[in-house]
Amino acid sequence: MAIPEYSFYNIVDGERRPRAAVAAAAGDNPQPAQETHHSVDPRNEEQLWPCPIATTQDLEDAITAANAAFPTWAQTTLAERQKLLVRIAEQIKAHEEELTDILRRETGKSKIVAAVEITNTIDQTMYYSTIGLEDEVQYEDDVVRILATHPPLGVVGAICPWNFPLILCNLKVISSLLTGNCVIVKPSPFTPYTVLRWIELCIELLPKGVLQAVNGGADLGALMTQHVGIHKISFTGTIATGKRVMASCAQTLKKVTLELAGNDAAIVFADVADEPGRLDTVVAQTVGGAFFNAGQMCVATKRVYVHASIYDEFLAKFVAETNKNYAPAVPAADATNEARLGDDDLPTVFGPVSNKMQYDIVRNILDDAKTIGGGRIVAGGSTLGGKGFWIQPTVVAEPAEDSLLVREEQFGPIIPILKWTTDEEVVARANLANAGLGATVYSTDLAKARRMADRLEAGSVWINQSEKPNVRAWFAGFKDSGFGGEMGKQGLLSYAYTKSIHIPKDPKDKKEATGSAASTSSATPAAKKAPEAKPATTSSNPFAALFSCFTGK
């Protein structure tokens, strides 16, 4: 089945660039025609559309355009920028069908999951259109009023991931725009299409240079982190790459936000088996948390710790739920290439691994689990031969604590189910350095669940529900799982400076206010006047005025 025809461009200074920029200076040699690359549909490895690779000159031009646009864009009002976000949301909605089709082809998502990503992107944008950073009074007394203002940083470089390419890119873009920054987006080379098309659709909405996109690989991202003309990098990806990004940004003292790996633990208490039907609910929630989008979600459940007293019952139900509601999404071993695209009539949130690189990583973890990992594969365990990056939803019972599956974030459809007996033990096992992004706790006793949540070293903890980030809540990783954070109103502070403005009060205003109050409150006894402090002489304390801030007056 032929794929629909679409064209994709780098977006630089309000223009579509299907070819490389040519040298403008007299005597310079023109650059060759734009190089392109092709991603593939992860479901059957069908080659997708040619996509232009940005040159270093494209990036330089984008940075120049962004810095030229910034002074004017930074002066727009919050209300103007909020209205713009509404228009962006409307543009996504108007092209929803097209964007959903592109998204599912480049990511391999089911139709349901692709549609949810588009819808949630619209909702995310509309939420941000209702909030913003405004001036606020930090402190005020009789002599001074101190304001906090939030000027923008300048040019933001958004280096975006492949698992949810549109919504995670959109978060960085709208946070930048709302706070008065210009932004240059680099989508993942595995999933460039939806992002490039979306930013192309925004050309008509924004001044030139405010929102741009350059497609390329790690070398282009490295240039963005090094460039003095970019003032912040927001990066989502692996711990190893995040460390390199941070080190590179340090050379120009860029602001940086990193959302990195989350080897997220789910902890199941024994009391969930005490209420009729409750265990079934918890099983469904943990299976969904593990296999939604084939486990390719930053806060997906990556390890499940179940109290030993209910372990066998829980495991049996977990396997049954996996085989009933997730395994059927995997095509048959002898499926044709067209059949590997999946059945849209089958409502599923499962799909293939999104690219060959991640597929090989997950296969390596699966091979380790089968050989030296120490566990038992009780569901799935096979890859699909032929074309496509399909791996069966796989459940591994009691793998060794030092196995790859437990130590590393698998980011794929394979989940370990482990036993625990004491709170101290499970907390120690859950709190790995790479497990600081999210966690879940299941218990009928909310007070007990809350105590456990407080002990888990993760930026977000969900109680009695699978992991569902909320755009209204701050989202950040502890330890190796990130640096800084995003989302919610607090997340906007990551895209702005905070400036303190100290405004002295006129003593005449204070005197007039005091006199006015005295004349209108004659029935109220006057407060006893505090003894005046003896003024310090210049000779005894020449720095009295300088250090008056420590007196509390």
Protein backbone atom coordinates (compact mmCIF):
# COMPACT_ATOMS: atom_id res chain seq x y z
CA MET A 1 0.00 0.00 0.00
CA ALA A 2 1.51 3.30 -1.15
CA ILE A 3 2.09 5.95 1.47
CA PRO A 4 0.48 9.39 1.00
CA GLU A 5 2.65 12.09 -0.57
CA TYR A 6 3.95 14.75 1.80
CA SER A 7 6.85 17.17 1.56
CA PHE A 8 9.00 18.27 4.48
CA TYR A 9 11.30 21.23 5.03
CA ASN A 10 13.67 22.84 7.44
CA ILE A 11 12.06 26.09 8.57
CA VAL A 12 14.55 28.96 8.77
CA ASP A 13 13.67 32.66 9.08
CA GLY A 14 10.10 32.04 7.97
CA GLU A 15 11.13 30.13 4.86
CA ARG A 16 10.91 26.50 3.77
CA ARG A 17 14.33 25.14 2.96
CA PRO A 18 14.28 22.02 0.82
CA ARG A 19 17.85 22.75 -0.25
CA ALA A 20 20.94 23.91 1.57
CA ALA A 21 21.54 27.61 1.92
CA VAL A 22 23.98 28.85 -0.70
CA ALA A 23 26.92 30.99 0.24
CA ALA A 24 25.99 34.64 -0.09
CA ALA A 25 29.42 36.22 0.10
CA ALA A 26 31.06 37.06 -3.18
CA GLY A 27 33.58 34.49 -4.23
CA ASP A 28 32.31 31.75 -1.89
CA ASN A 29 31.55 28.39 -3.41
CA PRO A 30 27.85 27.46 -3.44
CA GLN A 31 26.94 24.50 -1.28
CA PRO A 32 25.63 21.33 -2.91
CA ALA A 33 21.98 20.37 -2.99
CA GLN A 34 20.45 19.49 0.36
CA GLU A 35 21.18 16.02 1.65
CA THR A 36 18.18 13.98 2.71
CA HIS A 37 17.49 10.91 4.79
CA HIS A 38 14.54 8.55 5.14
CA SER A 39 13.03 7.18 8.31
CA VAL A 40 11.04 3.96 8.18
CA ASP A 41 7.66 2.80 9.46
CA PRO A 42 8.58 0.67 12.50
CA ARG A 43 5.69 -1.71 11.82
CA ASN A 44 7.10 -3.09 8.55
CA GLU A 45 10.27 -1.02 7.86
CA GLU A 46 8.69 0.60 4.82
CA GLN A 47 10.75 3.60 3.75
CA LEU A 48 9.04 6.91 4.43
CA TRP A 49 9.47 10.33 2.84
CA PRO A 50 12.78 12.05 2.07
CA CYS A 51 13.60 14.56 4.77
CA PRO A 52 16.16 17.36 4.32
CA ILE A 53 19.17 17.41 6.63
CA ALA A 54 20.04 20.90 7.82
CA THR A 55 23.54 22.15 7.16
CA THR A 56 25.70 24.10 9.59
CA GLN A 57 24.82 27.17 7.51
CA ASP A 58 21.12 26.47 8.00
CA LEU A 59 21.70 26.39 11.74
CA GLU A 60 23.78 29.57 11.68
CA ASP A 61 21.06 31.34 9.70
CA ALA A 62 18.40 30.14 12.13
CA ILE A 63 20.40 31.39 15.12
CA THR A 64 20.99 34.75 13.44
CA ALA A 65 17.30 35.09 12.59
CA ALA A 66 16.21 34.13 16.10
CA ASN A 67 18.50 36.68 17.75
CA ALA A 68 17.32 39.36 15.34
CA ALA A 69 13.67 38.57 16.11
CA PHE A 70 14.12 38.33 19.87
CA PRO A 71 14.19 42.02 20.93
CA THR A 72 10.83 42.71 19.30
CA TRP A 73 9.26 39.39 20.27
CA ALA A 74 10.34 39.79 23.90
CA GLN A 75 8.33 43.04 24.08
CA THR A 76 5.02 41.42 23.16
CA THR A 77 2.54 41.20 26.01
CA LEU A 78 1.56 38.05 27.80
CA ALA A 79 -1.98 38.44 26.50
CA GLU A 80 -0.71 38.61 22.91
CA ARG A 81 1.36 35.46 23.38
CA GLN A 82 -1.55 33.61 25.01
CA LYS A 83 -3.74 34.44 21.99
CA LEU A 84 -1.03 33.09 19.74
CA LEU A 85 -1.06 29.74 21.57
CA VAL A 86 -4.81 29.50 20.94
CA ARG A 87 -4.14 29.99 17.23
CA ILE A 88 -1.46 27.30 17.31
CA ALA A 89 -3.90 24.88 18.95
CA GLU A 90 -6.51 25.72 16.30
CA GLN A 91 -3.97 25.08 13.54
CA ILE A 92 -3.14 21.65 14.97
CA LYS A 93 -6.85 20.88 15.22
CA ALA A 94 -7.44 21.95 11.63
CA HIS A 95 -4.75 19.51 10.44
CA GLU A 96 -5.45 16.78 12.99
CA GLU A 97 -6.09 13.99 10.49
CA GLU A 98 -2.95 14.71 8.48
CA LEU A 99 -0.72 14.99 11.56
CA THR A 100 -2.17 11.78 13.05
CA ASP A 101 -1.40 9.88 9.85
CA ILE A 102 2.19 11.15 9.70
CA LEU A 103 2.73 10.50 13.39
CA ARG A 104 1.58 6.90 13.37
CA ARG A 105 3.66 6.07 10.32
CA GLU A 106 6.92 7.44 11.72
CA THR A 107 6.45 6.14 15.29
CA GLY A 108 4.56 2.89 14.65
CA LYS A 109 1.89 3.91 17.15
CA SER A 110 -1.56 2.43 17.01
CA LYS A 111 -4.25 4.71 15.65
CA ILE A 112 -5.57 5.22 19.19
CA VAL A 113 -2.22 6.27 20.67
CA ALA A 114 -1.38 8.57 17.75
CA ALA A 115 -4.76 10.27 18.00
CA VAL A 116 -4.34 10.68 21.77
CA GLU A 117 -0.97 12.37 21.26
CA ILE A 118 -2.48 14.90 18.84
CA THR A 119 -5.47 15.58 21.09
CA ASN A 120 -3.31 15.95 24.18
CA THR A 121 -1.01 18.34 22.31
CA ILE A 122 -4.01 20.56 21.59
CA ASP A 123 -5.14 20.37 25.22
CA GLN A 124 -1.61 21.11 26.43
CA THR A 125 -1.41 24.22 24.24
CA MET A 126 -4.81 25.46 25.39
CA TYR A 127 -3.81 25.06 29.04
CA TYR A 128 -0.71 27.18 28.54
CA SER A 129 -2.83 29.83 26.85
CA THR A 130 -4.48 30.42 30.24
CA ILE A 131 -1.36 30.88 32.40
CA GLY A 132 1.83 32.91 32.39
CA LEU A 133 4.52 34.55 34.48
CA GLU A 134 3.51 37.96 35.76
CA ASP A 135 5.22 40.50 37.99
CA GLU A 136 4.74 39.72 41.67
CA VAL A 137 5.53 41.43 44.97
CA GLN A 138 8.25 39.49 46.78
CA TYR A 139 8.39 41.75 49.80
CA GLU A 140 6.97 45.05 50.98
CA ASP A 141 7.32 47.19 54.10
CA ASP A 142 7.21 50.87 54.96
CA VAL A 143 10.39 51.72 53.09
CA VAL A 144 10.63 49.40 50.08
CA ARG A 145 8.61 47.34 47.64
CA ILE A 146 10.46 44.49 45.91
CA LEU A 147 9.06 43.08 42.69
CA ALA A 148 9.97 39.85 40.88
CA THR A 149 9.81 40.07 37.12
CA HIS A 150 10.52 37.31 34.62
CA PRO A 151 12.32 38.47 31.47
CA PRO A 152 12.92 35.86 28.75
CA LEU A 153 16.29 34.18 28.25
CA GLY A 154 16.70 34.77 24.52
CA VAL A 155 16.95 31.86 22.08
CA VAL A 156 16.00 28.36 23.23
CA GLY A 157 17.29 25.22 21.54
CA ALA A 158 14.79 22.36 21.85
CA ILE A 159 16.37 18.94 21.25
CA CYS A 160 13.44 16.56 21.10
CA PRO A 161 12.90 12.79 21.54
CA TRP A 162 11.33 10.17 19.29
CA ASN A 163 8.84 8.40 21.56
CA PHE A 164 6.21 11.18 21.72
CA PRO A 165 7.72 13.56 19.17
CA LEU A 166 4.92 16.10 18.86
CA ILE A 167 3.67 16.60 22.41
CA LEU A 168 7.13 16.65 23.99
CA CYS A 169 8.39 19.09 21.36
CA ASN A 170 5.26 21.19 21.76
CA LEU A 171 5.89 21.47 25.51
CA LYS A 172 9.30 23.04 24.89
CA VAL A 173 8.03 25.30 22.11
CA ILE A 174 4.98 26.75 23.85
CA SER A 175 6.89 27.20 27.12
CA SER A 176 9.49 29.18 25.16
CA LEU A 177 7.01 31.28 23.22
CA LEU A 178 4.78 32.05 26.20
CA THR A 179 7.73 33.42 28.18
CA GLY A 180 8.89 35.63 25.28
CA ASN A 181 11.73 33.51 23.90
CA CYS A 182 12.49 32.53 20.33
CA VAL A 183 13.00 28.80 19.78
CA ILE A 184 14.87 26.54 17.37
CA VAL A 185 13.69 22.94 17.29
CA LYS A 186 15.75 19.90 16.39
CA PRO A 187 13.47 16.86 16.11
CA SER A 188 14.80 13.35 16.51
CA PRO A 189 16.15 12.02 13.19
CA PHE A 190 14.05 8.90 13.84
CA THR A 191 10.82 10.94 13.90
CA PRO A 192 11.30 14.29 12.16
CA TYR A 193 8.17 14.43 10.04
CA THR A 194 5.30 15.44 12.32
CA VAL A 195 7.37 18.12 14.04
CA LEU A 196 8.62 19.65 10.79
CA ARG A 197 5.12 19.69 9.32
CA TRP A 198 3.66 21.24 12.48
CA ILE A 199 6.24 24.03 12.56
CA GLU A 200 5.66 24.65 8.86
CA LEU A 201 1.98 25.15 9.67
CA CYS A 202 2.98 27.82 12.21
CA ILE A 203 4.89 29.96 9.68
CA GLU A 204 1.84 32.10 8.97
CA LEU A 205 1.14 32.63 12.68
CA LEU A 206 4.48 34.00 13.87
CA PRO A 207 7.03 36.67 12.94
CA LYS A 208 10.07 35.41 11.07
CA GLY A 209 12.75 33.91 13.27
CA VAL A 210 10.57 33.30 16.32
CA LEU A 211 9.95 29.57 15.69
CA GLN A 212 12.27 27.55 13.46
CA ALA A 213 13.19 23.91 12.86
CA VAL A 214 16.39 22.23 11.71
CA ASN A 215 16.54 18.50 11.08
CA GLY A 216 19.69 16.54 11.76
CA GLY A 217 21.55 14.11 13.94
CA ALA A 218 23.75 14.26 17.01
CA ASP A 219 26.33 16.48 15.31
CA LEU A 220 23.75 19.20 14.74
CA GLY A 221 22.53 18.91 18.32
CA ALA A 222 26.11 19.23 19.55
CA LEU A 223 26.54 22.46 17.59
CA MET A 224 23.40 23.84 19.21
CA THR A 225 24.73 23.12 22.69
CA GLN A 226 28.04 24.85 21.89
CA HIS A 227 26.74 27.95 20.11
CA VAL A 228 26.95 31.23 21.99
CA GLY A 229 23.84 32.47 20.16
CA ILE A 230 21.62 29.91 21.89
CA HIS A 231 20.91 30.74 25.52
CA LYS A 232 19.13 27.63 26.80
CA ILE A 233 18.91 23.99 25.80
CA SER A 234 15.93 21.84 26.71
CA PHE A 235 16.82 18.20 26.06
CA THR A 236 14.93 14.94 26.47
CA GLY A 237 16.87 11.71 26.07
CA THR A 238 19.30 9.30 27.69
CA ILE A 239 21.46 9.87 30.76
CA ALA A 240 24.69 9.45 28.81
CA THR A 241 23.71 12.00 26.17
CA GLY A 242 22.28 14.32 28.82
CA LYS A 243 25.64 14.45 30.59
CA ARG A 244 27.36 15.40 27.33
CA VAL A 245 24.73 18.07 26.68
CA MET A 246 25.25 19.55 30.14
CA ALA A 247 29.04 19.57 29.82
CA SER A 248 28.81 21.27 26.44
CA CYS A 249 26.32 23.88 27.66
CA ALA A 250 28.67 24.71 30.53
CA GLN A 251 31.20 26.12 28.06
CA THR A 252 28.88 29.06 27.35
CA LEU A 253 27.04 28.96 30.70
CA LYS A 254 23.76 28.17 28.97
CA LYS A 255 20.67 27.44 30.99
CA VAL A 256 19.79 23.79 30.59
CA THR A 257 16.88 21.50 31.32
CA LEU A 258 17.37 17.72 31.05
CA GLU A 259 14.64 15.09 31.20
CA LEU A 260 16.47 11.78 31.24
CA ALA A 261 15.93 8.08 31.93
CA GLY A 262 13.34 6.79 34.34
CA ASN A 263 13.80 3.20 35.53
CA ASP A 264 10.50 3.68 37.33
CA ALA A 265 9.35 1.32 40.08
CA ALA A 266 5.81 0.29 40.98
CA ILE A 267 5.34 -0.97 44.55
CA VAL A 268 2.32 -3.15 45.31
CA PHE A 269 1.31 -3.70 48.94
CA ALA A 270 -0.35 -6.92 50.10
CA ASP A 271 -3.54 -5.16 51.19
CA VAL A 272 -4.70 -4.69 47.58
CA ALA A 273 -5.78 -8.34 47.67
CA ASP A 274 -8.05 -7.76 50.69
CA GLU A 275 -10.90 -6.07 48.82
CA PRO A 276 -12.95 -7.95 46.21
CA GLY A 277 -11.87 -6.96 42.70
CA ARG A 278 -9.16 -4.57 43.87
CA LEU A 279 -6.29 -6.84 42.87
CA ASP A 280 -7.70 -7.14 39.34
CA THR A 281 -7.80 -3.35 39.09
CA VAL A 282 -4.22 -2.99 40.27
CA VAL A 283 -3.06 -5.66 37.82
CA ALA A 284 -4.76 -3.85 34.93
CA GLN A 285 -3.19 -0.57 36.00
CA THR A 286 0.33 -1.97 36.27
CA VAL A 287 0.08 -3.89 32.99
CA GLY A 288 -1.13 -0.72 31.29
CA GLY A 289 1.67 1.26 32.89
CA ALA A 290 4.21 -1.23 31.57
CA PHE A 291 2.94 -1.79 28.02
CA PHE A 292 1.30 1.48 26.96
CA ASN A 293 3.06 2.43 23.72
CA ALA A 294 5.10 -0.77 24.14
CA GLY A 295 6.75 0.63 27.27
CA GLN A 296 8.28 3.57 25.39
CA MET A 297 7.30 6.29 27.81
CA CYS A 298 9.55 8.18 30.20
CA VAL A 299 7.39 7.32 33.21
CA ALA A 300 6.24 3.90 32.08
CA THR A 301 6.37 1.24 34.79
CA LYS A 302 9.79 -0.38 34.31
CA ARG A 303 9.91 -2.60 37.43
CA VAL A 304 7.04 -4.05 39.49
CA TYR A 305 7.72 -4.96 43.14
CA VAL A 306 4.94 -7.11 44.61
CA HIS A 307 4.66 -8.12 48.27
CA ALA A 308 5.70 -11.76 48.64
CA SER A 309 2.40 -12.78 50.28
CA ILE A 310 0.40 -12.03 47.10
CA TYR A 311 3.16 -12.49 44.52
CA ASP A 312 1.96 -15.73 42.90
CA GLU A 313 -1.64 -14.57 42.55
CA PHE A 314 -0.57 -11.20 41.21
CA LEU A 315 1.83 -12.77 38.69
CA ALA A 316 -0.81 -15.16 37.32
CA LYS A 317 -3.27 -12.30 36.82
CA PHE A 318 -0.57 -10.07 35.29
CA VAL A 319 0.28 -12.75 32.71
CA ALA A 320 -3.39 -13.31 31.88
CA GLU A 321 -4.01 -9.57 31.41
CA THR A 322 -0.94 -9.27 29.18
CA ASN A 323 -1.95 -12.19 26.97
CA LYS A 324 -5.55 -11.04 26.71
CA ASN A 325 -5.24 -7.31 26.02
CA TYR A 326 -1.73 -6.65 24.69
CA ALA A 327 -0.29 -9.74 22.98
CA PRO A 328 -3.02 -9.84 20.26
CA ALA A 329 -1.70 -6.54 18.85
CA VAL A 330 1.46 -8.30 17.63
CA PRO A 331 1.06 -9.60 14.06
CA ALA A 332 1.42 -13.28 13.30
CA ALA A 333 4.93 -14.54 12.57
CA ASP A 334 4.04 -15.11 8.89
CA ALA A 335 2.18 -11.80 8.50
CA THR A 336 2.56 -9.90 5.24
CA ASN A 337 4.16 -6.46 5.25
CA GLU A 338 0.72 -4.88 4.94
CA ALA A 339 -0.64 -6.97 7.82
CA ARG A 340 2.28 -5.80 9.97
CA LEU A 341 0.82 -2.30 9.82
CA GLY A 342 -1.71 -3.50 12.38
CA ASP A 343 -5.47 -3.74 12.48
CA ASP A 344 -7.15 -0.39 13.11
CA ASP A 345 -10.29 -2.26 14.12
CA LEU A 346 -8.39 -3.74 17.05
CA PRO A 347 -8.43 -1.18 19.88
CA THR A 348 -4.94 -1.33 21.33
CA VAL A 349 -2.33 0.92 22.91
CA PHE A 350 0.47 -1.53 22.08
CA GLY A 351 2.77 -1.35 19.07
CA PRO A 352 6.27 -2.06 17.82
CA VAL A 353 9.49 -0.63 19.17
CA SER A 354 9.87 2.69 17.38
CA ASN A 355 13.28 2.33 15.72
CA LYS A 356 16.05 -0.12 15.00
CA MET A 357 18.43 1.36 17.57
CA GLN A 358 15.98 0.86 20.44
CA TYR A 359 14.87 -2.50 19.07
CA ASP A 360 18.45 -3.78 19.34
CA ILE A 361 18.72 -2.44 22.91
CA VAL A 362 15.54 -4.21 23.99
CA ARG A 363 16.56 -7.44 22.24
CA ASN A 364 19.86 -7.38 24.10
CA ILE A 365 18.04 -7.01 27.42
CA LEU A 366 15.69 -9.81 26.42
CA ASP A 367 18.62 -12.08 25.52
CA ASP A 368 20.23 -11.30 28.89
CA ALA A 369 16.97 -12.23 30.64
CA LYS A 370 16.88 -15.55 28.78
CA THR A 371 20.47 -16.50 29.57
CA ILE A 372 22.18 -14.94 32.59
CA GLY A 373 19.43 -12.71 33.99
CA GLY A 374 18.26 -15.32 36.47
CA GLY A 375 14.51 -15.00 35.90
CA ARG A 376 11.71 -16.98 34.25
CA ILE A 377 9.97 -15.73 31.12
CA VAL A 378 6.28 -16.36 31.81
CA ALA A 379 4.74 -14.43 28.90
CA GLY A 380 5.99 -13.45 25.46
CA GLY A 381 9.74 -13.55 24.99
CA SER A 382 9.90 -13.62 21.20
CA THR A 383 10.63 -11.18 18.44
CA LEU A 384 8.73 -11.24 15.17
CA GLY A 385 10.74 -12.48 12.22
CA GLY A 386 10.85 -10.53 8.99
CA LYS A 387 10.27 -6.83 8.63
CA GLY A 388 9.29 -4.60 11.51
CA PHE A 389 10.49 -3.97 15.06
CA TRP A 390 7.92 -6.12 16.84
CA ILE A 391 8.62 -7.74 20.21
CA GLN A 392 5.96 -9.61 22.13
CA PRO A 393 4.88 -8.08 25.44
CA THR A 394 7.16 -10.01 27.75
CA VAL A 395 6.90 -10.73 31.48
CA VAL A 396 9.93 -11.94 33.45
CA ALA A 397 9.40 -13.37 36.94
CA GLU A 398 12.05 -12.75 39.61
CA PRO A 399 15.09 -11.79 37.53
CA ALA A 400 18.30 -11.14 39.43
CA GLU A 401 18.68 -7.72 40.99
CA ASP A 402 21.87 -7.14 38.99
CA SER A 403 20.37 -8.22 35.67
CA LEU A 404 20.19 -5.72 32.80
CA LEU A 405 16.39 -5.78 33.00
CA VAL A 406 16.40 -4.54 36.59
CA ARG A 407 19.45 -2.26 36.53
CA GLU A 408 18.81 -0.47 33.23
CA GLU A 409 15.80 1.31 31.76
CA GLN A 410 14.57 -1.07 29.06
CA PHE A 411 12.24 1.41 27.31
CA GLY A 412 10.44 -1.41 25.60
CA PRO A 413 7.84 -4.18 26.07
CA ILE A 414 9.57 -6.33 28.69
CA ILE A 415 8.79 -6.04 32.40
CA PRO A 416 10.27 -7.69 35.52
CA ILE A 417 7.99 -8.76 38.39
CA LEU A 418 9.90 -8.94 41.67
CA LYS A 419 9.12 -9.90 45.29
CA TRP A 420 9.58 -7.81 48.42
CA THR A 421 8.94 -8.35 52.12
CA THR A 422 9.89 -5.24 54.14
CA ASP A 423 9.46 -1.54 53.49
CA GLU A 424 13.14 -0.83 54.09
CA GLU A 425 14.19 -3.47 51.60
CA VAL A 426 11.88 -2.38 48.78
CA VAL A 427 12.71 1.30 49.22
CA ALA A 428 16.42 0.54 48.91
CA ARG A 429 15.84 -1.56 45.79
CA ALA A 430 13.49 0.94 44.18
CA ASN A 431 15.71 3.99 44.67
CA LEU A 432 18.28 3.38 41.96
CA ALA A 433 20.19 6.38 40.65
CA ASN A 434 18.44 6.08 37.26
CA ALA A 435 14.98 5.70 38.82
CA GLY A 436 14.40 9.32 39.78
CA LEU A 437 11.73 10.31 37.26
CA GLY A 438 8.58 8.58 38.50
CA ALA A 439 7.15 5.82 40.68
CA THR A 440 3.80 4.31 41.65
CA VAL A 441 2.44 2.93 44.90
CA TYR A 442 -0.62 0.69 45.26
CA SER A 443 -2.31 0.22 48.64
CA THR A 444 -5.78 0.43 50.17
CA ASP A 445 -4.26 2.42 53.04
CA LEU A 446 -3.65 5.93 51.68
CA ALA A 447 -1.63 7.00 54.71
CA LYS A 448 0.68 4.04 54.23
CA ALA A 449 0.94 4.73 50.50
CA ARG A 450 1.78 8.36 51.20
CA ARG A 451 4.54 7.39 53.63
CA MET A 452 6.02 5.14 50.97
CA ALA A 453 5.69 7.88 48.33
CA ASP A 454 7.64 10.24 50.57
CA ARG A 455 10.51 7.75 50.77
CA LEU A 456 10.79 7.20 47.02
CA GLU A 457 13.45 9.36 45.40
CA ALA A 458 11.50 10.33 42.32
CA GLY A 459 10.20 13.62 40.97
CA SER A 460 6.62 12.35 40.54
CA VAL A 461 4.84 9.59 42.45
CA TRP A 462 1.38 8.31 41.62
CA ILE A 463 -0.77 6.55 44.21
CA ASN A 464 -3.25 3.89 43.09
CA GLN A 465 -2.98 4.83 39.44
CA SER A 466 -0.62 4.25 36.58
CA GLU A 467 1.76 7.00 35.58
CA LYS A 468 -0.06 9.90 33.91
CA PRO A 469 1.90 13.18 33.81
CA ASN A 470 -0.36 16.20 34.20
CA VAL A 471 0.56 19.33 32.28
CA ARG A 472 -0.53 21.41 35.29
CA ALA A 473 2.06 19.80 37.59
CA TRP A 474 5.82 20.35 37.79
CA PHE A 475 7.66 17.43 36.20
CA ALA A 476 11.32 16.77 36.93
CA GLY A 477 13.76 13.99 37.68
CA PHE A 478 15.82 13.33 40.79
CA LYS A 479 19.44 12.17 40.65
CA ASP A 480 20.45 10.77 37.23
CA SER A 481 16.95 11.20 35.83
CA GLY A 482 17.22 14.88 35.08
CA PHE A 483 18.29 18.41 35.79
CA GLY A 484 15.68 21.11 36.24
CA GLY A 485 12.16 20.47 35.04
CA GLU A 486 9.16 21.55 33.01
CA MET A 487 5.36 21.66 33.02
CA GLY A 488 2.91 23.57 35.15
CA LYS A 489 3.34 27.25 35.92
CA GLN A 490 6.53 26.46 37.82
CA GLY A 491 7.96 24.96 34.65
CA LEU A 492 7.79 28.35 32.93
CA LEU A 493 10.43 29.63 35.35
CA SER A 494 12.88 27.32 33.55
CA TYR A 495 12.45 29.54 30.48
CA ALA A 496 12.98 32.91 32.17
CA TYR A 497 15.27 34.85 34.41
CA THR A 498 13.92 36.19 37.68
CA LYS A 499 14.82 39.84 38.22
CA SER A 500 14.31 41.63 41.53
CA ILE A 501 13.38 45.31 41.28
CA HIS A 502 13.74 47.26 44.54
CA ILE A 503 11.51 50.34 44.64
CA PRO A 504 11.98 52.76 47.55
CA LYS A 505 8.96 54.39 49.07
CA ASP A 506 8.78 58.17 49.38
CA PRO A 507 9.01 59.17 53.08
CA LYS A 508 6.44 61.89 52.35
CA ASP A 509 3.93 59.25 51.32
CA LYS A 510 4.57 57.42 54.58
CA LYS A 511 4.14 60.63 56.62
CA GLU A 512 0.93 61.60 54.82
CA ALA A 513 -0.45 58.10 55.22
CA THR A 514 0.34 58.14 58.94
CA GLY A 515 -1.25 61.56 59.40
CA SER A 516 -4.33 60.53 57.50
CA ALA A 517 -4.72 57.43 59.57
CA ALA A 518 -4.37 59.42 62.80
CA SER A 519 -7.02 61.93 61.74
CA THR A 520 -9.57 59.27 60.91
CA SER A 521 -9.05 57.01 63.91
CA SER A 522 -9.25 59.32 66.92
CA ALA A 523 -11.16 56.71 68.86
CA THR A 524 -8.22 54.32 68.64
CA PRO A 525 -5.44 54.81 71.21
CA ALA A 526 -2.15 55.71 69.61
CA ALA A 527 0.41 52.96 69.61
CA LYS A 528 3.34 53.45 71.92
CA LYS A 529 6.22 54.87 69.95
CA ALA A 530 9.25 52.64 69.84
CA PRO A 531 12.48 54.22 71.05
CA GLU A 532 14.55 55.57 68.21
CA ALA A 533 17.86 53.89 67.59
CA LYS A 534 20.85 56.12 68.15
CA PRO A 535 22.21 57.04 64.72
CA ALA A 536 25.67 55.72 64.05
CA THR A 537 28.29 58.32 63.32
CA THR A 538 30.48 58.12 60.32
CA SER A 539 33.50 57.69 62.51
CA SER A 540 32.01 54.86 64.57
CA ASN A 541 30.39 52.96 61.68
CA PRO A 542 31.02 54.37 58.24
CA PHE A 543 29.23 51.39 56.60
CA ALA A 544 25.99 51.62 58.57
CA ALA A 545 23.88 52.37 55.51
CA LEU A 546 25.49 49.57 53.55
CA PHE A 547 24.71 46.97 56.21
CA SER A 548 21.26 48.24 57.15
CA CYS A 549 19.74 45.29 55.33
CA PHE A 550 20.77 43.08 58.27
CA THR A 551 18.91 45.15 60.88
CA GLY A 552 15.46 43.99 59.86
CA LYS A 553 14.22 47.60 59.69
